[in-house]
Amino acid sequence: MRSLTIKELADRLSVHHQTIRNHIRAGHLKARKMGQVWRIFRPDLVDYLGSEERADSLLKVNSDGKETSVHEVLHGRLVEGPGRPES
């Protein structure tokens, strides 16, 4: 099962890692500690973002090895706060 560390998720969202930690601490995003590393798994990203496509875009790497740009897709999620975005 694919997962991201707090730092990986923060880097892909172009936010500070403390922002991700704050969302975890507030209960908006689930994370699991594995050894000394906190990991966020795909089902938890889907729940947090309200979209499988958004979660998958975070976990995807292009064929040239570069991460897909998801900042525009998720920026509203971090600005709007918890809860699923209205469609």
N, C-alpha and C. Protein backbone atom coordinates (compact mmCIF):
# COMPACT_ATOMS: atom_id res chain seq x y z
N MET A 1 0.85 -1.18 0.00
CA MET A 1 0.00 0.00 0.00
C MET A 1 0.90 1.24 0.00
N ARG A 2 0.59 2.16 -0.90
CA ARG A 2 1.38 3.39 -1.01
C ARG A 2 1.13 4.30 0.17
N SER A 3 2.19 4.98 0.57
CA SER A 3 2.08 5.95 1.65
C SER A 3 3.13 7.04 1.46
N LEU A 4 2.95 8.12 2.21
CA LEU A 4 3.89 9.23 2.18
C LEU A 4 4.26 9.58 3.61
N THR A 5 5.49 10.05 3.79
CA THR A 5 5.87 10.60 5.08
C THR A 5 5.29 12.00 5.19
N ILE A 6 5.33 12.56 6.38
CA ILE A 6 4.87 13.93 6.57
C ILE A 6 5.66 14.88 5.68
N LYS A 7 6.98 14.70 5.63
CA LYS A 7 7.82 15.57 4.81
C LYS A 7 7.50 15.42 3.33
N GLU A 8 7.31 14.19 2.86
CA GLU A 8 6.98 13.98 1.45
C GLU A 8 5.66 14.65 1.10
N LEU A 9 4.66 14.50 1.95
CA LEU A 9 3.36 15.12 1.68
C LEU A 9 3.48 16.64 1.70
N ALA A 10 4.20 17.18 2.67
CA ALA A 10 4.39 18.63 2.74
C ALA A 10 5.11 19.15 1.50
N ASP A 11 6.14 18.44 1.06
CA ASP A 11 6.88 18.85 -0.15
C ASP A 11 5.97 18.84 -1.37
N ARG A 12 5.15 17.83 -1.51
CA ARG A 12 4.27 17.73 -2.68
C ARG A 12 3.16 18.75 -2.67
N LEU A 13 2.80 19.22 -1.46
CA LEU A 13 1.77 20.24 -1.34
C LEU A 13 2.36 21.65 -1.29
N SER A 14 3.68 21.72 -1.25
CA SER A 14 4.38 23.01 -1.13
C SER A 14 3.95 23.76 0.12
N VAL A 15 3.86 23.02 1.23
CA VAL A 15 3.57 23.63 2.52
C VAL A 15 4.64 23.17 3.51
N HIS A 16 4.71 23.84 4.64
CA HIS A 16 5.66 23.47 5.68
C HIS A 16 5.19 22.17 6.34
N HIS A 17 6.13 21.35 6.76
CA HIS A 17 5.76 20.08 7.38
C HIS A 17 4.93 20.28 8.64
N GLN A 18 5.09 21.41 9.31
CA GLN A 18 4.30 21.68 10.52
C GLN A 18 2.81 21.84 10.18
N THR A 19 2.51 22.33 8.99
CA THR A 19 1.11 22.43 8.56
C THR A 19 0.47 21.05 8.52
N ILE A 20 1.19 20.07 7.97
CA ILE A 20 0.68 18.70 7.92
C ILE A 20 0.54 18.15 9.33
N ARG A 21 1.54 18.38 10.17
CA ARG A 21 1.48 17.92 11.56
C ARG A 21 0.28 18.52 12.29
N ASN A 22 0.00 19.79 12.03
CA ASN A 22 -1.15 20.45 12.66
C ASN A 22 -2.46 19.79 12.24
N HIS A 23 -2.59 19.43 10.96
CA HIS A 23 -3.80 18.76 10.48
C HIS A 23 -3.94 17.38 11.10
N ILE A 24 -2.81 16.69 11.30
CA ILE A 24 -2.84 15.38 11.96
C ILE A 24 -3.24 15.56 13.42
N ARG A 25 -2.59 16.48 14.10
CA ARG A 25 -2.87 16.71 15.52
C ARG A 25 -4.33 17.11 15.75
N ALA A 26 -4.89 17.89 14.83
CA ALA A 26 -6.28 18.33 14.95
C ALA A 26 -7.27 17.22 14.60
N GLY A 27 -6.78 16.10 14.06
CA GLY A 27 -7.65 14.99 13.72
C GLY A 27 -8.25 15.05 12.33
N HIS A 28 -7.78 15.97 11.51
CA HIS A 28 -8.31 16.12 10.15
C HIS A 28 -7.67 15.13 9.18
N LEU A 29 -6.47 14.68 9.51
CA LEU A 29 -5.72 13.77 8.65
C LEU A 29 -5.17 12.66 9.53
N LYS A 30 -5.40 11.40 9.14
CA LYS A 30 -4.89 10.27 9.90
C LYS A 30 -3.47 9.94 9.45
N ALA A 31 -2.65 9.59 10.42
CA ALA A 31 -1.29 9.15 10.14
C ALA A 31 -0.96 8.01 11.11
N ARG A 32 -0.04 7.16 10.70
CA ARG A 32 0.37 6.03 11.54
C ARG A 32 1.88 6.08 11.73
N LYS A 33 2.29 5.85 12.95
CA LYS A 33 3.73 5.84 13.24
C LYS A 33 4.26 4.44 13.00
N MET A 34 5.27 4.36 12.14
CA MET A 34 5.91 3.10 11.82
C MET A 34 7.38 3.25 12.18
N GLY A 35 7.76 2.67 13.30
CA GLY A 35 9.10 2.91 13.82
C GLY A 35 9.16 4.34 14.33
N GLN A 36 10.05 5.13 13.74
CA GLN A 36 10.17 6.52 14.14
C GLN A 36 9.60 7.48 13.10
N VAL A 37 8.95 6.92 12.08
CA VAL A 37 8.45 7.74 10.97
C VAL A 37 6.92 7.69 10.92
N TRP A 38 6.31 8.86 10.80
CA TRP A 38 4.87 8.96 10.60
C TRP A 38 4.58 8.81 9.12
N ARG A 39 3.58 7.97 8.78
CA ARG A 39 3.21 7.75 7.39
C ARG A 39 1.72 7.98 7.21
N ILE A 40 1.37 8.54 6.04
CA ILE A 40 -0.01 8.77 5.67
C ILE A 40 -0.31 7.82 4.51
N PHE A 41 -1.30 6.95 4.68
CA PHE A 41 -1.62 5.95 3.67
C PHE A 41 -2.74 6.43 2.75
N ARG A 42 -2.81 5.83 1.57
CA ARG A 42 -3.75 6.24 0.54
C ARG A 42 -5.19 6.36 1.04
N PRO A 43 -5.74 5.34 1.74
CA PRO A 43 -7.13 5.49 2.20
C PRO A 43 -7.34 6.72 3.09
N ASP A 44 -6.34 7.06 3.88
CA ASP A 44 -6.44 8.24 4.74
C ASP A 44 -6.36 9.53 3.93
N LEU A 45 -5.56 9.52 2.85
CA LEU A 45 -5.51 10.67 1.95
C LEU A 45 -6.84 10.86 1.24
N VAL A 46 -7.45 9.73 0.82
CA VAL A 46 -8.76 9.80 0.15
C VAL A 46 -9.79 10.40 1.10
N ASP A 47 -9.81 9.93 2.34
CA ASP A 47 -10.76 10.47 3.33
C ASP A 47 -10.52 11.96 3.55
N TYR A 48 -9.28 12.36 3.68
CA TYR A 48 -8.92 13.75 3.96
C TYR A 48 -9.27 14.68 2.81
N LEU A 49 -8.96 14.22 1.60
CA LEU A 49 -9.13 15.06 0.41
C LEU A 49 -10.52 14.93 -0.20
N GLY A 50 -11.22 13.85 0.12
CA GLY A 50 -12.54 13.63 -0.45
C GLY A 50 -12.52 13.23 -1.91
N SER A 51 -11.38 12.75 -2.38
CA SER A 51 -11.27 12.40 -3.80
C SER A 51 -10.14 11.39 -4.01
N GLU A 52 -10.47 10.28 -4.67
CA GLU A 52 -9.44 9.30 -5.01
C GLU A 52 -8.44 9.87 -6.00
N GLU A 53 -8.94 10.69 -6.95
CA GLU A 53 -8.06 11.26 -7.97
C GLU A 53 -7.02 12.17 -7.34
N ARG A 54 -7.44 12.99 -6.38
CA ARG A 54 -6.50 13.89 -5.71
C ARG A 54 -5.45 13.10 -4.93
N ALA A 55 -5.90 12.07 -4.23
CA ALA A 55 -4.97 11.24 -3.46
C ALA A 55 -3.98 10.55 -4.39
N ASP A 56 -4.49 10.00 -5.49
CA ASP A 56 -3.61 9.31 -6.43
C ASP A 56 -2.62 10.27 -7.07
N SER A 57 -3.02 11.51 -7.30
CA SER A 57 -2.08 12.46 -7.90
C SER A 57 -0.93 12.76 -6.95
N LEU A 58 -1.16 12.68 -5.66
CA LEU A 58 -0.09 12.87 -4.69
C LEU A 58 0.89 11.72 -4.68
N LEU A 59 0.38 10.53 -4.94
CA LEU A 59 1.20 9.33 -4.87
C LEU A 59 1.89 9.01 -6.19
N LYS A 60 1.58 9.77 -7.23
CA LYS A 60 2.08 9.48 -8.57
C LYS A 60 3.41 10.18 -8.84
N VAL A 61 4.25 9.49 -9.57
CA VAL A 61 5.51 10.06 -10.05
C VAL A 61 5.50 9.89 -11.56
N ASN A 62 5.85 10.95 -12.28
CA ASN A 62 5.87 10.89 -13.75
C ASN A 62 6.94 9.94 -14.24
N SER A 63 6.86 9.57 -15.51
CA SER A 63 7.83 8.65 -16.09
C SER A 63 9.24 9.22 -16.08
N ASP A 64 9.37 10.55 -16.04
CA ASP A 64 10.70 11.14 -15.99
C ASP A 64 11.23 11.25 -14.56
N GLY A 65 10.48 10.67 -13.59
CA GLY A 65 10.94 10.65 -12.21
C GLY A 65 10.54 11.86 -11.38
N LYS A 66 9.88 12.83 -12.02
CA LYS A 66 9.46 14.03 -11.29
C LYS A 66 8.08 13.83 -10.71
N GLU A 67 7.86 14.42 -9.54
CA GLU A 67 6.55 14.33 -8.91
C GLU A 67 5.55 15.16 -9.70
N THR A 68 4.32 14.71 -9.74
CA THR A 68 3.28 15.48 -10.41
C THR A 68 2.99 16.72 -9.58
N SER A 69 2.60 17.78 -10.25
CA SER A 69 2.27 19.02 -9.56
C SER A 69 0.85 18.94 -9.03
N VAL A 70 0.72 19.01 -7.73
CA VAL A 70 -0.61 18.91 -7.12
C VAL A 70 -0.93 20.15 -6.29
N HIS A 71 -0.05 21.12 -6.30
CA HIS A 71 -0.25 22.31 -5.47
C HIS A 71 -1.58 22.99 -5.77
N GLU A 72 -1.90 23.20 -7.03
CA GLU A 72 -3.16 23.86 -7.38
C GLU A 72 -4.36 23.01 -6.98
N VAL A 73 -4.25 21.71 -7.13
CA VAL A 73 -5.35 20.81 -6.82
C VAL A 73 -5.67 20.83 -5.33
N LEU A 74 -4.64 20.91 -4.50
CA LEU A 74 -4.84 20.76 -3.07
C LEU A 74 -4.76 22.06 -2.29
N HIS A 75 -4.34 23.12 -2.91
CA HIS A 75 -4.19 24.39 -2.19
C HIS A 75 -5.50 24.79 -1.51
N GLY A 76 -6.60 24.63 -2.19
CA GLY A 76 -7.89 24.98 -1.62
C GLY A 76 -8.20 24.14 -0.40
N ARG A 77 -7.78 22.89 -0.38
CA ARG A 77 -8.04 22.00 0.76
C ARG A 77 -7.36 22.54 2.02
N LEU A 78 -6.13 23.00 1.90
CA LEU A 78 -5.41 23.50 3.06
C LEU A 78 -5.92 24.86 3.49
N VAL A 79 -6.38 25.66 2.55
CA VAL A 79 -6.89 26.99 2.87
C VAL A 79 -8.28 26.88 3.49
N GLU A 80 -9.13 26.00 2.92
CA GLU A 80 -10.50 25.86 3.39
C GLU A 80 -10.58 25.18 4.74
N GLY A 81 -9.61 24.35 5.06
CA GLY A 81 -9.64 23.65 6.34
C GLY A 81 -10.28 22.29 6.21
N PRO A 82 -10.67 21.70 7.35
CA PRO A 82 -11.16 20.32 7.36
C PRO A 82 -12.51 20.18 6.68
N GLY A 83 -12.80 18.92 6.39
CA GLY A 83 -14.09 18.62 5.74
C GLY A 83 -13.91 18.46 4.26
N ARG A 84 -14.84 17.84 3.67
CA ARG A 84 -14.76 17.60 2.23
C ARG A 84 -15.17 18.85 1.46
N PRO A 85 -14.41 19.17 0.43
CA PRO A 85 -14.80 20.32 -0.39
C PRO A 85 -16.15 20.08 -1.04
N GLU A 86 -16.94 21.11 -1.11
CA GLU A 86 -18.24 20.96 -1.75
C GLU A 86 -18.11 20.93 -3.26
N SER A 87 -18.89 20.06 -3.88
CA SER A 87 -18.82 19.93 -5.34
C SER A 87 -20.02 20.60 -5.96
